[in-house]
Amino acid sequence: LSNLEELQGMAQMVNDMLYLAKAEHGLITPTRERLQLEDEVQAVMEFFAPVAEDAQVTLSSAGHARIEGDRTMLRRVLSNLLDNAVRHTPAGGYVKVGLSEAGDRARIDVENSGPDIPAQLLPRLFDRFYRADQARSESREHAGLGLAITRSIIQAHGGTIDCESKDGVTRFWIELPG
């Protein structure tokens, strides 16, 4: 890496850590606007389409859901989850986003095919600097903060996020107040 790329990576990591510190102290306040989640999913998927195509990964989405939330923050959540899903899906695999509503809750599922994340690692996925794939721990591009930031954004919206991984499918699901 060049010095500039190294500096940019360090600057991003510092910004991410500052964001997490603010979130931990309740200083992140999402704006509230009515959002059609399928529109937000589509916008983020369009961004990832070339990356997925190069990786020979199929992207798809289905369903509808509406929430009151912060568009920029929620797009960051979707970007983090789609980035992880595409990177960890082998060629010929898929990434699916599903949206649904039940009562006053909206649900987002991000599912990808590929190797299972061992069950004992699942509780740590949202920890800062944690990477389930230790073989990638030398990568400076991904500092292991994406899922911690994702969880902080979901919590700031009054929601929850969790993950399961079994039988060749990894699924993150988010529940948010509608």
Protein backbone atom coordinates (compact mmCIF):
# COMPACT_ATOMS: atom_id res chain seq x y z
CA LEU A 1 0.00 0.00 0.00
CA SER A 2 1.11 3.53 -0.63
CA ASN A 3 1.53 5.97 2.23
CA LEU A 4 -1.61 7.81 1.09
CA GLU A 5 -3.70 4.62 1.10
CA GLU A 6 -2.33 3.73 4.53
CA LEU A 7 -3.20 7.20 5.83
CA GLN A 8 -6.71 7.06 4.36
CA GLY A 9 -7.29 3.68 6.00
CA MET A 10 -6.11 4.98 9.37
CA ALA A 11 -8.28 8.10 9.04
CA GLN A 12 -11.34 5.94 8.28
CA MET A 13 -10.64 3.73 11.30
CA VAL A 14 -10.33 6.79 13.58
CA ASN A 15 -13.59 8.19 12.19
CA ASP A 16 -15.31 4.85 12.76
CA MET A 17 -14.03 4.69 16.34
CA LEU A 18 -15.24 8.24 17.02
CA TYR A 19 -18.64 7.30 15.63
CA LEU A 20 -18.81 4.27 17.95
CA ALA A 21 -17.76 6.36 20.97
CA LYS A 22 -20.51 8.89 20.21
CA ALA A 23 -23.04 6.07 19.81
CA GLU A 24 -22.06 4.53 23.16
CA HIS A 25 -22.73 7.85 24.86
CA GLY A 26 -26.10 8.41 23.21
CA LEU A 27 -24.79 11.21 20.99
CA ILE A 28 -26.00 9.70 17.72
CA THR A 29 -29.54 10.86 17.04
CA PRO A 30 -31.10 9.56 13.84
CA THR A 31 -33.26 11.91 11.82
CA ARG A 32 -36.77 10.59 11.30
CA GLU A 33 -38.28 10.49 7.86
CA ARG A 34 -40.72 8.03 6.32
CA LEU A 35 -38.72 5.50 4.30
CA GLN A 36 -39.77 2.75 1.92
CA LEU A 37 -37.07 0.23 2.75
CA GLU A 38 -37.28 -1.46 -0.65
CA ASP A 39 -36.14 1.84 -2.24
CA GLU A 40 -33.16 2.04 0.13
CA VAL A 41 -32.26 -1.62 -0.48
CA GLN A 42 -32.47 -1.10 -4.25
CA ALA A 43 -30.17 1.95 -4.13
CA VAL A 44 -27.52 0.09 -2.12
CA MET A 45 -27.82 -3.05 -4.28
CA GLU A 46 -27.25 -0.98 -7.42
CA PHE A 47 -24.00 0.24 -5.88
CA PHE A 48 -22.87 -3.35 -5.12
CA ALA A 49 -24.06 -4.85 -8.44
CA PRO A 50 -20.70 -4.48 -10.25
CA VAL A 51 -18.78 -5.95 -7.29
CA ALA A 52 -21.21 -8.87 -7.05
CA GLU A 53 -21.01 -9.46 -10.79
CA ASP A 54 -17.21 -9.55 -10.68
CA ALA A 55 -17.41 -12.03 -7.78
CA GLN A 56 -20.03 -14.11 -9.69
CA VAL A 57 -22.54 -13.62 -6.87
CA THR A 58 -26.27 -13.17 -7.56
CA LEU A 59 -28.00 -10.28 -5.75
CA SER A 60 -31.77 -10.20 -5.19
CA SER A 61 -34.35 -8.58 -2.96
CA ALA A 62 -38.01 -9.11 -2.16
CA GLY A 63 -40.69 -7.67 0.08
CA HIS A 64 -41.80 -4.30 1.36
CA ALA A 65 -41.46 -2.42 4.61
CA ARG A 66 -41.79 1.16 5.85
CA ILE A 67 -40.12 2.80 8.82
CA GLU A 68 -39.35 6.20 10.27
CA GLY A 69 -35.58 6.44 10.17
CA ASP A 70 -32.38 8.07 9.06
CA ARG A 71 -31.74 7.33 5.39
CA THR A 72 -27.97 7.86 5.54
CA MET A 73 -27.53 5.70 8.63
CA LEU A 74 -29.71 2.90 7.29
CA ARG A 75 -27.90 2.89 3.97
CA ARG A 76 -24.66 2.50 5.93
CA VAL A 77 -26.18 -0.53 7.69
CA LEU A 78 -27.24 -2.06 4.38
CA SER A 79 -23.84 -1.29 2.82
CA ASN A 80 -21.97 -2.94 5.70
CA LEU A 81 -24.12 -6.06 5.54
CA LEU A 82 -24.05 -6.34 1.73
CA ASP A 83 -20.29 -5.74 1.64
CA ASN A 84 -19.71 -8.56 4.14
CA ALA A 85 -22.17 -10.88 2.39
CA VAL A 86 -20.66 -10.38 -1.08
CA ARG A 87 -17.08 -10.75 0.22
CA HIS A 88 -17.89 -14.01 2.03
CA THR A 89 -20.01 -15.63 -0.70
CA PRO A 90 -18.17 -17.99 -3.05
CA ALA A 91 -18.51 -17.67 -6.83
CA GLY A 92 -21.85 -19.05 -7.96
CA GLY A 93 -23.49 -18.14 -4.62
CA TYR A 94 -26.17 -15.65 -3.74
CA VAL A 95 -27.02 -12.70 -1.51
CA LYS A 96 -30.71 -12.03 -0.80
CA VAL A 97 -32.35 -9.18 1.06
CA GLY A 98 -35.86 -9.77 2.37
CA LEU A 99 -38.19 -7.14 3.83
CA SER A 100 -41.36 -7.70 5.81
CA GLU A 101 -43.69 -6.03 8.31
CA ALA A 102 -45.48 -7.56 11.27
CA GLY A 103 -47.64 -5.29 13.38
CA ASP A 104 -45.63 -2.17 14.17
CA ARG A 105 -42.25 -3.78 13.36
CA ALA A 106 -40.25 -3.92 10.15
CA ARG A 107 -37.77 -6.71 9.47
CA ILE A 108 -34.75 -6.80 7.18
CA ASP A 109 -33.05 -10.13 6.42
CA VAL A 110 -29.69 -10.24 4.65
CA GLU A 111 -28.81 -13.81 3.71
CA ASN A 112 -25.88 -15.27 1.81
CA SER A 113 -24.72 -18.70 0.79
CA GLY A 114 -21.27 -19.87 1.77
CA PRO A 115 -19.29 -21.41 4.57
CA ASP A 116 -20.90 -21.37 8.01
CA ILE A 117 -19.59 -19.08 10.72
CA PRO A 118 -18.84 -21.40 13.66
CA ALA A 119 -21.55 -21.10 16.35
CA GLN A 120 -19.04 -20.16 19.06
CA LEU A 121 -17.99 -17.09 17.04
CA LEU A 122 -21.50 -15.70 16.41
CA PRO A 123 -21.81 -13.85 19.78
CA ARG A 124 -18.61 -11.91 19.04
CA LEU A 125 -19.46 -10.75 15.50
CA PHE A 126 -20.63 -7.32 16.69
CA ASP A 127 -17.54 -6.69 18.87
CA ARG A 128 -15.11 -4.01 17.76
CA PHE A 129 -12.12 -5.25 15.74
CA TYR A 130 -13.46 -8.80 15.71
CA ARG A 131 -13.20 -10.86 12.55
CA ALA A 132 -14.66 -14.35 12.33
CA ASP A 133 -12.27 -15.08 9.47
CA GLN A 134 -8.86 -14.76 11.09
CA ALA A 135 -7.18 -15.42 7.75
CA ARG A 136 -8.28 -11.93 6.75
CA SER A 137 -7.03 -10.29 9.93
CA GLU A 138 -4.07 -8.76 8.15
CA SER A 139 -6.35 -6.84 5.78
CA ARG A 140 -6.23 -3.14 6.53
CA GLU A 141 -9.20 -2.46 4.29
CA HIS A 142 -11.61 -3.91 6.86
CA ALA A 143 -10.72 -3.06 10.45
CA GLY A 144 -13.49 -5.15 12.02
CA LEU A 145 -15.67 -2.15 12.93
CA GLY A 146 -18.47 -2.49 10.37
CA LEU A 147 -20.76 -4.76 12.37
CA ALA A 148 -20.16 -2.79 15.59
CA ILE A 149 -21.22 0.37 13.74
CA THR A 150 -24.16 -1.47 12.20
CA ARG A 151 -25.39 -2.57 15.63
CA SER A 152 -24.99 0.95 17.07
CA ILE A 153 -27.09 2.43 14.23
CA ILE A 154 -29.82 -0.19 14.68
CA GLN A 155 -29.87 0.40 18.45
CA ALA A 156 -30.07 4.19 17.90
CA HIS A 157 -33.22 3.47 15.86
CA GLY A 158 -34.70 1.40 18.72
CA GLY A 159 -34.11 -1.88 16.90
CA THR A 160 -32.22 -5.14 17.25
CA ILE A 161 -29.85 -7.15 15.05
CA ASP A 162 -28.75 -10.75 15.25
CA CYS A 163 -27.15 -13.46 13.12
CA GLU A 164 -27.37 -17.18 12.49
CA SER A 165 -25.18 -19.36 10.30
CA LYS A 166 -25.90 -22.99 9.50
CA ASP A 167 -26.31 -25.40 6.62
CA GLY A 168 -24.35 -23.17 4.22
CA VAL A 169 -26.46 -20.05 4.85
CA THR A 170 -25.59 -17.00 6.96
CA ARG A 171 -28.48 -14.68 7.83
CA PHE A 172 -28.45 -11.32 9.60
CA TRP A 173 -31.85 -10.04 10.65
CA ILE A 174 -32.84 -6.62 11.85
CA GLU A 175 -36.07 -5.64 13.54
CA LEU A 176 -37.02 -1.96 13.68
CA PRO A 177 -40.03 -0.03 14.90
CA GLY A 178 -42.26 0.78 11.94
